[in-house]
PDB file of N, CA and C in Angstrom:
ATOM      1  N   MET A   1       6.133  -6.965  -3.729  1.00  0.00           N
ATOM      2  CA  MET A   1       5.888  -5.550  -3.864  1.00  0.00           C
ATOM      3  C   MET A   1       6.866  -4.798  -2.983  1.00  0.00           C
ATOM      4  N   PHE A   2       7.042  -3.513  -3.281  1.00  0.00           N
ATOM      5  CA  PHE A   2       7.923  -2.668  -2.485  1.00  0.00           C
ATOM      6  C   PHE A   2       7.116  -1.925  -1.429  1.00  0.00           C
ATOM      7  N   ILE A   3       7.545  -2.065  -0.178  1.00  0.00           N
ATOM      8  CA  ILE A   3       6.966  -1.304   0.927  1.00  0.00           C
ATOM      9  C   ILE A   3       8.112  -0.551   1.580  1.00  0.00           C
ATOM     10  N   ASP A   4       8.034   0.758   1.543  1.00  0.00           N
ATOM     11  CA  ASP A   4       9.086   1.611   2.105  1.00  0.00           C
ATOM     12  C   ASP A   4      10.451   1.243   1.534  1.00  0.00           C
ATOM     13  N   GLY A   5      10.494   0.922   0.246  1.00  0.00           N
ATOM     14  CA  GLY A   5      11.740   0.620  -0.439  1.00  0.00           C
ATOM     15  C   GLY A   5      12.276  -0.781  -0.237  1.00  0.00           C
ATOM     16  N   ARG A   6      11.557  -1.627   0.498  1.00  0.00           N
ATOM     17  CA  ARG A   6      11.983  -3.017   0.726  1.00  0.00           C
ATOM     18  C   ARG A   6      11.052  -3.958  -0.026  1.00  0.00           C
ATOM     19  N   MET A   7      11.620  -4.977  -0.655  1.00  0.00           N
ATOM     20  CA  MET A   7      10.814  -5.964  -1.366  1.00  0.00           C
ATOM     21  C   MET A   7      10.179  -6.916  -0.348  1.00  0.00           C
ATOM     22  N   ILE A   8       8.850  -6.971  -0.360  1.00  0.00           N
ATOM     23  CA  ILE A   8       8.086  -7.832   0.541  1.00  0.00           C
ATOM     24  C   ILE A   8       7.202  -8.733  -0.319  1.00  0.00           C
ATOM     25  N   ALA A   9       7.242 -10.025  -0.074  1.00  0.00           N
ATOM     26  CA  ALA A   9       6.414 -10.979  -0.825  1.00  0.00           C
ATOM     27  C   ALA A   9       5.074 -11.155  -0.127  1.00  0.00           C
ATOM     28  N   ILE A  10       3.991 -11.004  -0.888  1.00  0.00           N
ATOM     29  CA  ILE A  10       2.651 -11.281  -0.368  1.00  0.00           C
ATOM     30  C   ILE A  10       1.991 -12.275  -1.316  1.00  0.00           C
ATOM     31  N   SER A  11       0.991 -12.971  -0.816  1.00  0.00           N
ATOM     32  CA  SER A  11       0.308 -13.978  -1.627  1.00  0.00           C
ATOM     33  C   SER A  11      -0.579 -13.309  -2.683  1.00  0.00           C
ATOM     34  N   ASP A  12      -0.961 -14.089  -3.677  1.00  0.00           N
ATOM     35  CA  ASP A  12      -1.870 -13.586  -4.718  1.00  0.00           C
ATOM     36  C   ASP A  12      -3.206 -13.170  -4.108  1.00  0.00           C
ATOM     37  N   GLU A  13      -3.670 -13.900  -3.103  1.00  0.00           N
ATOM     38  CA  GLU A  13      -4.939 -13.572  -2.448  1.00  0.00           C
ATOM     39  C   GLU A  13      -4.847 -12.240  -1.712  1.00  0.00           C
ATOM     40  N   GLU A  14      -3.723 -12.009  -1.029  1.00  0.00           N
ATOM     41  CA  GLU A  14      -3.539 -10.732  -0.334  1.00  0.00           C
ATOM     42  C   GLU A  14      -3.453  -9.586  -1.333  1.00  0.00           C
ATOM     43  N   TYR A  15      -2.759  -9.834  -2.438  1.00  0.00           N
ATOM     44  CA  TYR A  15      -2.630  -8.827  -3.491  1.00  0.00           C
ATOM     45  C   TYR A  15      -4.007  -8.449  -4.038  1.00  0.00           C
ATOM     46  N   GLU A  16      -4.813  -9.454  -4.349  1.00  0.00           N
ATOM     47  CA  GLU A  16      -6.163  -9.213  -4.872  1.00  0.00           C
ATOM     48  C   GLU A  16      -7.025  -8.510  -3.831  1.00  0.00           C
ATOM     49  N   SER A  17      -6.850  -8.869  -2.569  1.00  0.00           N
ATOM     50  CA  SER A  17      -7.614  -8.246  -1.497  1.00  0.00           C
ATOM     51  C   SER A  17      -7.346  -6.745  -1.415  1.00  0.00           C
ATOM     52  N   THR A  18      -6.087  -6.329  -1.624  1.00  0.00           N
ATOM     53  CA  THR A  18      -5.776  -4.896  -1.562  1.00  0.00           C
ATOM     54  C   THR A  18      -6.540  -4.121  -2.633  1.00  0.00           C
ATOM     55  N   ARG A  19      -6.619  -4.682  -3.836  1.00  0.00           N
ATOM     56  CA  ARG A  19      -7.342  -4.026  -4.928  1.00  0.00           C
ATOM     57  C   ARG A  19      -8.832  -3.975  -4.631  1.00  0.00           C
ATOM     58  N   LEU A  20      -9.382  -5.074  -4.100  1.00  0.00           N
ATOM     59  CA  LEU A  20     -10.815  -5.138  -3.806  1.00  0.00           C
ATOM     60  C   LEU A  20     -11.211  -4.220  -2.654  1.00  0.00           C
ATOM     61  N   GLN A  21     -10.304  -4.029  -1.680  1.00  0.00           N
ATOM     62  CA  GLN A  21     -10.610  -3.129  -0.557  1.00  0.00           C
ATOM     63  C   GLN A  21     -10.878  -1.709  -1.040  1.00  0.00           C
ATOM     64  N   LEU A  22     -10.259  -1.332  -2.145  1.00  0.00           N
ATOM     65  CA  LEU A  22     -10.441   0.010  -2.697  1.00  0.00           C
ATOM     66  C   LEU A  22     -11.433   0.018  -3.861  1.00  0.00           C
ATOM     67  N   ASP A  23     -12.046  -1.149  -4.134  1.00  0.00           N
ATOM     68  CA  ASP A  23     -13.049  -1.288  -5.192  1.00  0.00           C
ATOM     69  C   ASP A  23     -12.502  -0.833  -6.547  1.00  0.00           C
ATOM     70  N   LEU A  24     -11.279  -1.279  -6.853  1.00  0.00           N
ATOM     71  CA  LEU A  24     -10.634  -0.911  -8.105  1.00  0.00           C
ATOM     72  C   LEU A  24     -10.866  -1.987  -9.165  1.00  0.00           C
ATOM     73  N   PRO A  25     -10.950  -1.587 -10.425  1.00  0.00           N
ATOM     74  CA  PRO A  25     -11.096  -2.580 -11.495  1.00  0.00           C
ATOM     75  C   PRO A  25      -9.837  -3.429 -11.638  1.00  0.00           C
ATOM     76  N   SER A  26      -9.971  -4.535 -12.330  1.00  0.00           N
ATOM     77  CA  SER A  26      -8.882  -5.512 -12.425  1.00  0.00           C
ATOM     78  C   SER A  26      -7.672  -5.001 -13.192  1.00  0.00           C
ATOM     79  N   ASP A  27      -7.796  -3.910 -13.962  1.00  0.00           N
ATOM     80  CA  ASP A  27      -6.631  -3.408 -14.700  1.00  0.00           C
ATOM     81  C   ASP A  27      -5.705  -2.558 -13.832  1.00  0.00           C
ATOM     82  N   PHE A  28      -6.068  -2.307 -12.579  1.00  0.00           N
ATOM     83  CA  PHE A  28      -5.197  -1.559 -11.677  1.00  0.00           C
ATOM     84  C   PHE A  28      -4.246  -2.512 -10.980  1.00  0.00           C
ATOM     85  N   VAL A  29      -2.965  -2.139 -10.978  1.00  0.00           N
ATOM     86  CA  VAL A  29      -1.939  -2.965 -10.333  1.00  0.00           C
ATOM     87  C   VAL A  29      -1.273  -2.169  -9.222  1.00  0.00           C
ATOM     88  N   LEU A  30      -0.878  -2.884  -8.184  1.00  0.00           N
ATOM     89  CA  LEU A  30      -0.192  -2.284  -7.051  1.00  0.00           C
ATOM     90  C   LEU A  30       1.256  -2.033  -7.447  1.00  0.00           C
ATOM     91  N   ILE A  31       1.701  -0.782  -7.362  1.00  0.00           N
ATOM     92  CA  ILE A  31       3.055  -0.469  -7.809  1.00  0.00           C
ATOM     93  C   ILE A  31       4.014  -0.154  -6.668  1.00  0.00           C
ATOM     94  N   GLU A  32       3.506   0.379  -5.561  1.00  0.00           N
ATOM     95  CA  GLU A  32       4.352   0.653  -4.405  1.00  0.00           C
ATOM     96  C   GLU A  32       3.481   0.933  -3.200  1.00  0.00           C
ATOM     97  N   ALA A  33       4.103   0.926  -2.017  1.00  0.00           N
ATOM     98  CA  ALA A  33       3.342   1.153  -0.797  1.00  0.00           C
ATOM     99  C   ALA A  33       4.262   1.690   0.295  1.00  0.00           C
ATOM    100  N   THR A  34       3.650   2.245   1.328  1.00  0.00           N
ATOM    101  CA  THR A  34       4.390   2.731   2.485  1.00  0.00           C
ATOM    102  C   THR A  34       3.558   2.490   3.734  1.00  0.00           C
ATOM    103  N   SER A  35       4.227   2.300   4.842  1.00  0.00           N
ATOM    104  CA  SER A  35       3.525   2.104   6.112  1.00  0.00           C
ATOM    105  C   SER A  35       3.376   3.426   6.871  1.00  0.00           C
ATOM    106  N   PHE A  36       3.602   4.527   6.165  1.00  0.00           N
ATOM    107  CA  PHE A  36       3.457   5.866   6.752  1.00  0.00           C
ATOM    108  C   PHE A  36       2.514   6.709   5.910  1.00  0.00           C
ATOM    109  N   LEU A  37       1.706   7.505   6.576  1.00  0.00           N
ATOM    110  CA  LEU A  37       0.866   8.477   5.895  1.00  0.00           C
ATOM    111  C   LEU A  37       1.619   9.798   5.913  1.00  0.00           C
ATOM    112  N   HIS A  38       1.895  10.343   4.748  1.00  0.00           N
ATOM    113  CA  HIS A  38       2.611  11.609   4.627  1.00  0.00           C
ATOM    114  C   HIS A  38       1.604  12.702   4.285  1.00  0.00           C
ATOM    115  N   HIS A  39       1.638  13.791   5.036  1.00  0.00           N
ATOM    116  CA  HIS A  39       0.662  14.861   4.839  1.00  0.00           C
ATOM    117  C   HIS A  39       1.369  16.219   4.869  1.00  0.00           C
ATOM    118  N   ASP A  40       1.105  17.019   3.859  1.00  0.00           N
ATOM    119  CA  ASP A  40       1.632  18.388   3.816  1.00  0.00           C
ATOM    120  C   ASP A  40       0.552  19.298   4.367  1.00  0.00           C
ATOM    121  N   THR A  41       0.784  19.860   5.536  1.00  0.00           N
ATOM    122  CA  THR A  41      -0.219  20.684   6.217  1.00  0.00           C
ATOM    123  C   THR A  41      -0.291  22.104   5.669  1.00  0.00           C
ATOM    124  N   GLY A  42       0.663  22.466   4.820  1.00  0.00           N
ATOM    125  CA  GLY A  42       0.773  23.845   4.385  1.00  0.00           C
ATOM    126  C   GLY A  42       1.767  24.602   5.247  1.00  0.00           C
ATOM    127  N   ASN A  43       1.962  24.119   6.453  1.00  0.00           N
ATOM    128  CA  ASN A  43       2.949  24.691   7.375  1.00  0.00           C
ATOM    129  C   ASN A  43       4.113  23.745   7.604  1.00  0.00           C
ATOM    130  N   GLY A  44       4.118  22.637   6.911  1.00  0.00           N
ATOM    131  CA  GLY A  44       5.174  21.643   7.084  1.00  0.00           C
ATOM    132  C   GLY A  44       4.675  20.265   6.707  1.00  0.00           C
ATOM    133  N   HIS A  45       5.590  19.330   6.735  1.00  0.00           N
ATOM    134  CA  HIS A  45       5.291  17.952   6.355  1.00  0.00           C
ATOM    135  C   HIS A  45       5.164  17.101   7.617  1.00  0.00           C
ATOM    136  N   VAL A  46       4.082  16.335   7.708  1.00  0.00           N
ATOM    137  CA  VAL A  46       3.842  15.465   8.855  1.00  0.00           C
ATOM    138  C   VAL A  46       3.875  14.021   8.375  1.00  0.00           C
ATOM    139  N   THR A  47       4.568  13.148   9.103  1.00  0.00           N
ATOM    140  CA  THR A  47       4.605  11.729   8.801  1.00  0.00           C
ATOM    141  C   THR A  47       3.944  10.980   9.948  1.00  0.00           C
ATOM    142  N   ILE A  48       2.901  10.215   9.620  1.00  0.00           N
ATOM    143  CA  ILE A  48       2.125   9.491  10.626  1.00  0.00           C
ATOM    144  C   ILE A  48       2.294   7.993  10.385  1.00  0.00           C
ATOM    145  N   PRO A  49       2.849   7.250  11.349  1.00  0.00           N
ATOM    146  CA  PRO A  49       2.946   5.798  11.175  1.00  0.00           C
ATOM    147  C   PRO A  49       1.551   5.174  11.242  1.00  0.00           C
ATOM    148  N   LEU A  50       1.277   4.270  10.322  1.00  0.00           N
ATOM    149  CA  LEU A  50      -0.018   3.599  10.308  1.00  0.00           C
ATOM    150  C   LEU A  50      -0.027   2.430  11.282  1.00  0.00           C
ATOM    151  N   PRO A  51      -1.224   2.022  11.732  1.00  0.00           N
ATOM    152  CA  PRO A  51      -1.309   0.850  12.616  1.00  0.00           C
ATOM    153  C   PRO A  51      -0.748  -0.401  11.936  1.00  0.00           C
ATOM    154  N   LYS A  52      -0.390  -1.355  12.730  1.00  0.00           N
ATOM    155  CA  LYS A  52       0.165  -2.627  12.267  1.00  0.00           C
ATOM    156  C   LYS A  52      -0.686  -3.221  11.142  1.00  0.00           C
ATOM    157  N   ASP A  53      -0.036  -3.666  10.084  1.00  0.00           N
ATOM    158  CA  ASP A  53      -0.639  -4.349   8.934  1.00  0.00           C
ATOM    159  C   ASP A  53      -1.398  -3.430   7.972  1.00  0.00           C
ATOM    160  N   TYR A  54      -1.346  -2.107   8.182  1.00  0.00           N
ATOM    161  CA  TYR A  54      -1.968  -1.169   7.245  1.00  0.00           C
ATOM    162  C   TYR A  54      -0.888  -0.479   6.419  1.00  0.00           C
ATOM    163  N   ILE A  55      -1.202  -0.215   5.163  1.00  0.00           N
ATOM    164  CA  ILE A  55      -0.284   0.498   4.275  1.00  0.00           C
ATOM    165  C   ILE A  55      -1.064   1.487   3.415  1.00  0.00           C
ATOM    166  N   VAL A  56      -0.368   2.527   2.967  1.00  0.00           N
ATOM    167  CA  VAL A  56      -0.892   3.385   1.908  1.00  0.00           C
ATOM    168  C   VAL A  56      -0.374   2.769   0.617  1.00  0.00           C
ATOM    169  N   ALA A  57      -1.291   2.368  -0.255  1.00  0.00           N
ATOM    170  CA  ALA A  57      -0.928   1.667  -1.482  1.00  0.00           C
ATOM    171  C   ALA A  57      -1.173   2.555  -2.693  1.00  0.00           C
ATOM    172  N   ALA A  58      -0.245   2.501  -3.639  1.00  0.00           N
ATOM    173  CA  ALA A  58      -0.381   3.229  -4.907  1.00  0.00           C
ATOM    174  C   ALA A  58      -0.685   2.203  -6.001  1.00  0.00           C
ATOM    175  N   PHE A  59      -1.804   2.396  -6.678  1.00  0.00           N
ATOM    176  CA  PHE A  59      -2.221   1.539  -7.780  1.00  0.00           C
ATOM    177  C   PHE A  59      -2.185   2.347  -9.067  1.00  0.00           C
ATOM    178  N   GLU A  60      -1.901   1.667 -10.159  1.00  0.00           N
ATOM    179  CA  GLU A  60      -1.883   2.341 -11.453  1.00  0.00           C
ATOM    180  C   GLU A  60      -2.670   1.516 -12.467  1.00  0.00           C
ATOM    181  N   GLY A  61      -3.510   2.214 -13.252  1.00  0.00           N
ATOM    182  CA  GLY A  61      -4.282   1.571 -14.304  1.00  0.00           C
ATOM    183  C   GLY A  61      -3.512   1.564 -15.612  1.00  0.00           C
ATOM    184  N   ARG A  62      -4.033   0.841 -16.590  1.00  0.00           N
ATOM    185  CA  ARG A  62      -3.366   0.750 -17.901  1.00  0.00           C
ATOM    186  C   ARG A  62      -3.190   2.111 -18.569  1.00  0.00           C
ATOM    187  N   ASN A  63      -4.081   3.036 -18.263  1.00  0.00           N
ATOM    188  CA  ASN A  63      -4.018   4.370 -18.869  1.00  0.00           C
ATOM    189  C   ASN A  63      -3.054   5.305 -18.130  1.00  0.00           C
ATOM    190  N   GLY A  64      -2.363   4.794 -17.084  1.00  0.00           N
ATOM    191  CA  GLY A  64      -1.408   5.611 -16.335  1.00  0.00           C
ATOM    192  C   GLY A  64      -2.002   6.339 -15.146  1.00  0.00           C
ATOM    193  N   ARG A  65      -3.308   6.220 -14.963  1.00  0.00           N
ATOM    194  CA  ARG A  65      -3.967   6.894 -13.837  1.00  0.00           C
ATOM    195  C   ARG A  65      -3.587   6.206 -12.526  1.00  0.00           C
ATOM    196  N   ARG A  66      -3.175   7.002 -11.541  1.00  0.00           N
ATOM    197  CA  ARG A  66      -2.805   6.459 -10.228  1.00  0.00           C
ATOM    198  C   ARG A  66      -3.885   6.769  -9.203  1.00  0.00           C
ATOM    199  N   LEU A  67      -4.115   5.788  -8.351  1.00  0.00           N
ATOM    200  CA  LEU A  67      -5.041   5.946  -7.239  1.00  0.00           C
ATOM    201  C   LEU A  67      -4.354   5.437  -5.974  1.00  0.00           C
ATOM    202  N   TYR A  68      -4.650   6.087  -4.860  1.00  0.00           N
ATOM    203  CA  TYR A  68      -4.021   5.749  -3.586  1.00  0.00           C
ATOM    204  C   TYR A  68      -5.097   5.442  -2.557  1.00  0.00           C
ATOM    205  N   GLY A  69      -4.763   4.585  -1.604  1.00  0.00           N
ATOM    206  CA  GLY A  69      -5.687   4.280  -0.529  1.00  0.00           C
ATOM    207  C   GLY A  69      -4.990   3.504   0.573  1.00  0.00           C
ATOM    208  N   VAL A  70      -5.619   3.478   1.735  1.00  0.00           N
ATOM    209  CA  VAL A  70      -5.101   2.723   2.871  1.00  0.00           C
ATOM    210  C   VAL A  70      -5.781   1.358   2.870  1.00  0.00           C
ATOM    211  N   VAL A  71      -4.965   0.308   2.926  1.00  0.00           N
ATOM    212  CA  VAL A  71      -5.479  -1.064   2.891  1.00  0.00           C
ATOM    213  C   VAL A  71      -4.865  -1.887   4.023  1.00  0.00           C
ATOM    214  N   LEU A  72      -5.538  -2.972   4.357  1.00  0.00           N
ATOM    215  CA  LEU A  72      -5.079  -3.911   5.380  1.00  0.00           C
ATOM    216  C   LEU A  72      -4.541  -5.157   4.691  1.00  0.00           C
ATOM    217  N   ILE A  73      -3.334  -5.569   5.078  1.00  0.00           N
ATOM    218  CA  ILE A  73      -2.783  -6.850   4.639  1.00  0.00           C
ATOM    219  C   ILE A  73      -2.536  -7.656   5.908  1.00  0.00           C
ATOM    220  N   LYS A  74      -3.339  -8.684   6.108  1.00  0.00           N
ATOM    221  CA  LYS A  74      -3.233  -9.484   7.328  1.00  0.00           C
ATOM    222  C   LYS A  74      -1.855 -10.092   7.471  1.00  0.00           C
ATOM    223  N   ASP A  75      -1.308 -10.014   8.664  1.00  0.00           N
ATOM    224  CA  ASP A  75       0.005 -10.567   9.014  1.00  0.00           C
ATOM    225  C   ASP A  75       1.150  -9.899   8.256  1.00  0.00           C
ATOM    226  N   LEU A  76       0.958  -8.690   7.747  1.00  0.00           N
ATOM    227  CA  LEU A  76       2.017  -7.984   7.045  1.00  0.00           C
ATOM    228  C   LEU A  76       3.220  -7.759   7.947  1.00  0.00           C
ATOM    229  N   SER A  77       2.985  -7.402   9.201  1.00  0.00           N
ATOM    230  CA  SER A  77       4.107  -7.148  10.107  1.00  0.00           C
ATOM    231  C   SER A  77       4.950  -8.403  10.303  1.00  0.00           C
ATOM    232  N   ARG A  78       4.335  -9.578  10.274  1.00  0.00           N
ATOM    233  CA  ARG A  78       5.083 -10.836  10.383  1.00  0.00           C
ATOM    234  C   ARG A  78       5.935 -11.057   9.150  1.00  0.00           C
ATOM    235  N   VAL A  79       5.382 -10.777   7.975  1.00  0.00           N
ATOM    236  CA  VAL A  79       6.114 -10.944   6.725  1.00  0.00           C
ATOM    237  C   VAL A  79       7.282  -9.955   6.659  1.00  0.00           C
ATOM    238  N   GLN A  80       7.055  -8.714   7.083  1.00  0.00           N
ATOM    239  CA  GLN A  80       8.107  -7.707   7.057  1.00  0.00           C
ATOM    240  C   GLN A  80       9.248  -8.079   8.014  1.00  0.00           C
ATOM    241  N   ALA A  81       8.913  -8.648   9.152  1.00  0.00           N
ATOM    242  CA  ALA A  81       9.937  -9.012  10.130  1.00  0.00           C
ATOM    243  C   ALA A  81      10.833 -10.131   9.608  1.00  0.00           C
ATOM    244  N   SER A  82      10.282 -11.007   8.772  1.00  0.00           N
ATOM    245  CA  SER A  82      11.075 -12.126   8.271  1.00  0.00           C
ATOM    246  C   SER A  82      11.872 -11.752   7.027  1.00  0.00           C
ATOM    247  N   ALA A  83      11.595 -10.577   6.456  1.00  0.00           N
ATOM    248  CA  ALA A  83      12.306 -10.149   5.229  1.00  0.00           C
ATOM    249  C   ALA A  83      13.672  -9.584   5.540  1.00  0.00           C
TER     250      ALA A  83
END
Protein backbone atom coordinates (compact mmCIF):
# COMPACT_ATOMS: atom_id res chain seq x y z
CA MET A 1 0.00 0.00 0.00
CA PHE A 2 1.02 3.63 -0.40
CA ILE A 3 1.76 5.61 2.76
CA ASP A 4 2.72 9.23 2.15
CA GLY A 5 3.51 8.34 -1.47
CA ARG A 6 5.87 5.46 -0.59
CA MET A 7 5.07 1.81 -1.30
CA ILE A 8 5.04 -0.11 2.00
CA ALA A 9 4.39 -3.87 2.18
CA ILE A 10 2.14 -5.10 4.99
CA SER A 11 0.90 -8.61 5.67
CA ASP A 12 -2.58 -9.82 4.73
CA GLU A 13 -3.42 -10.02 8.45
CA GLU A 14 -2.40 -6.40 9.02
CA TYR A 15 -4.39 -5.35 5.96
CA GLU A 16 -7.50 -7.15 7.23
CA SER A 17 -6.96 -5.68 10.70
CA THR A 18 -7.11 -2.12 9.31
CA ARG A 19 -10.52 -2.80 7.75
CA LEU A 20 -11.84 -4.49 10.90
CA GLN A 21 -10.65 -1.63 13.15
CA LEU A 22 -13.08 0.63 11.29
CA ASP A 23 -15.81 -2.06 11.15
CA LEU A 24 -15.96 -1.88 7.35
CA PRO A 25 -17.56 -4.55 5.15
CA SER A 26 -15.32 -6.85 3.13
CA ASP A 27 -15.94 -4.96 -0.15
CA PHE A 28 -13.96 -1.95 1.13
CA VAL A 29 -10.31 -1.88 0.09
CA LEU A 30 -7.47 0.24 1.41
CA ILE A 31 -6.39 2.60 -1.35
CA GLU A 32 -3.97 5.02 0.34
CA ALA A 33 -2.80 6.26 3.71
CA THR A 34 -0.82 8.99 5.45
CA SER A 35 0.94 9.25 8.79
CA PHE A 36 -0.31 12.84 9.16
CA LEU A 37 -3.70 14.20 10.10
CA HIS A 38 -4.52 17.17 7.87
CA HIS A 39 -7.12 19.62 9.17
CA ASP A 40 -8.50 22.80 7.62
CA THR A 41 -9.36 25.06 10.55
CA GLY A 42 -11.05 27.68 8.39
CA ASN A 43 -8.14 29.97 9.20
CA GLY A 44 -5.48 27.77 7.66
CA HIS A 45 -4.28 24.23 7.18
CA VAL A 46 -2.81 22.30 10.12
CA THR A 47 -0.76 19.11 9.73
CA ILE A 48 -0.50 16.90 12.82
CA PRO A 49 1.93 13.95 12.85
CA LEU A 50 0.26 10.83 14.21
CA PRO A 51 1.84 8.65 16.92
CA LYS A 52 4.12 5.82 15.83
CA ASP A 53 2.34 3.02 13.90
CA TYR A 54 -0.89 5.01 13.36
CA ILE A 55 -2.13 6.13 9.94
CA VAL A 56 -5.13 7.86 8.43
CA ALA A 57 -6.40 5.28 5.95
CA ALA A 58 -8.65 5.83 2.93
CA PHE A 59 -10.90 2.90 2.02
CA GLU A 60 -13.13 2.62 -1.01
CA GLY A 61 -16.14 0.37 -1.58
CA ARG A 62 -17.24 -1.19 -4.87
CA ASN A 63 -19.77 1.62 -5.33
CA GLY A 64 -16.99 4.27 -5.15
CA ARG A 65 -17.87 5.43 -1.65
CA ARG A 66 -14.78 6.46 0.35
CA LEU A 67 -14.40 6.24 4.09
CA TYR A 68 -11.49 7.45 6.20
CA GLY A 69 -10.27 6.55 9.66
CA VAL A 70 -7.24 6.32 11.92
CA VAL A 71 -5.92 2.78 12.34
CA LEU A 72 -3.01 1.06 14.08
CA ILE A 73 -0.61 -1.17 12.14
CA LYS A 74 1.73 -2.88 14.58
CA ASP A 75 5.43 -2.42 13.79
CA LEU A 76 4.62 -0.07 10.89
CA SER A 77 7.51 2.21 11.81
CA ARG A 78 9.89 -0.77 11.54
CA VAL A 79 8.54 -1.66 8.10
CA GLN A 80 8.78 1.96 6.92
CA ALA A 81 12.39 2.23 8.11
CA SER A 82 13.40 -0.82 6.09
CA ALA A 83 11.68 0.42 2.90
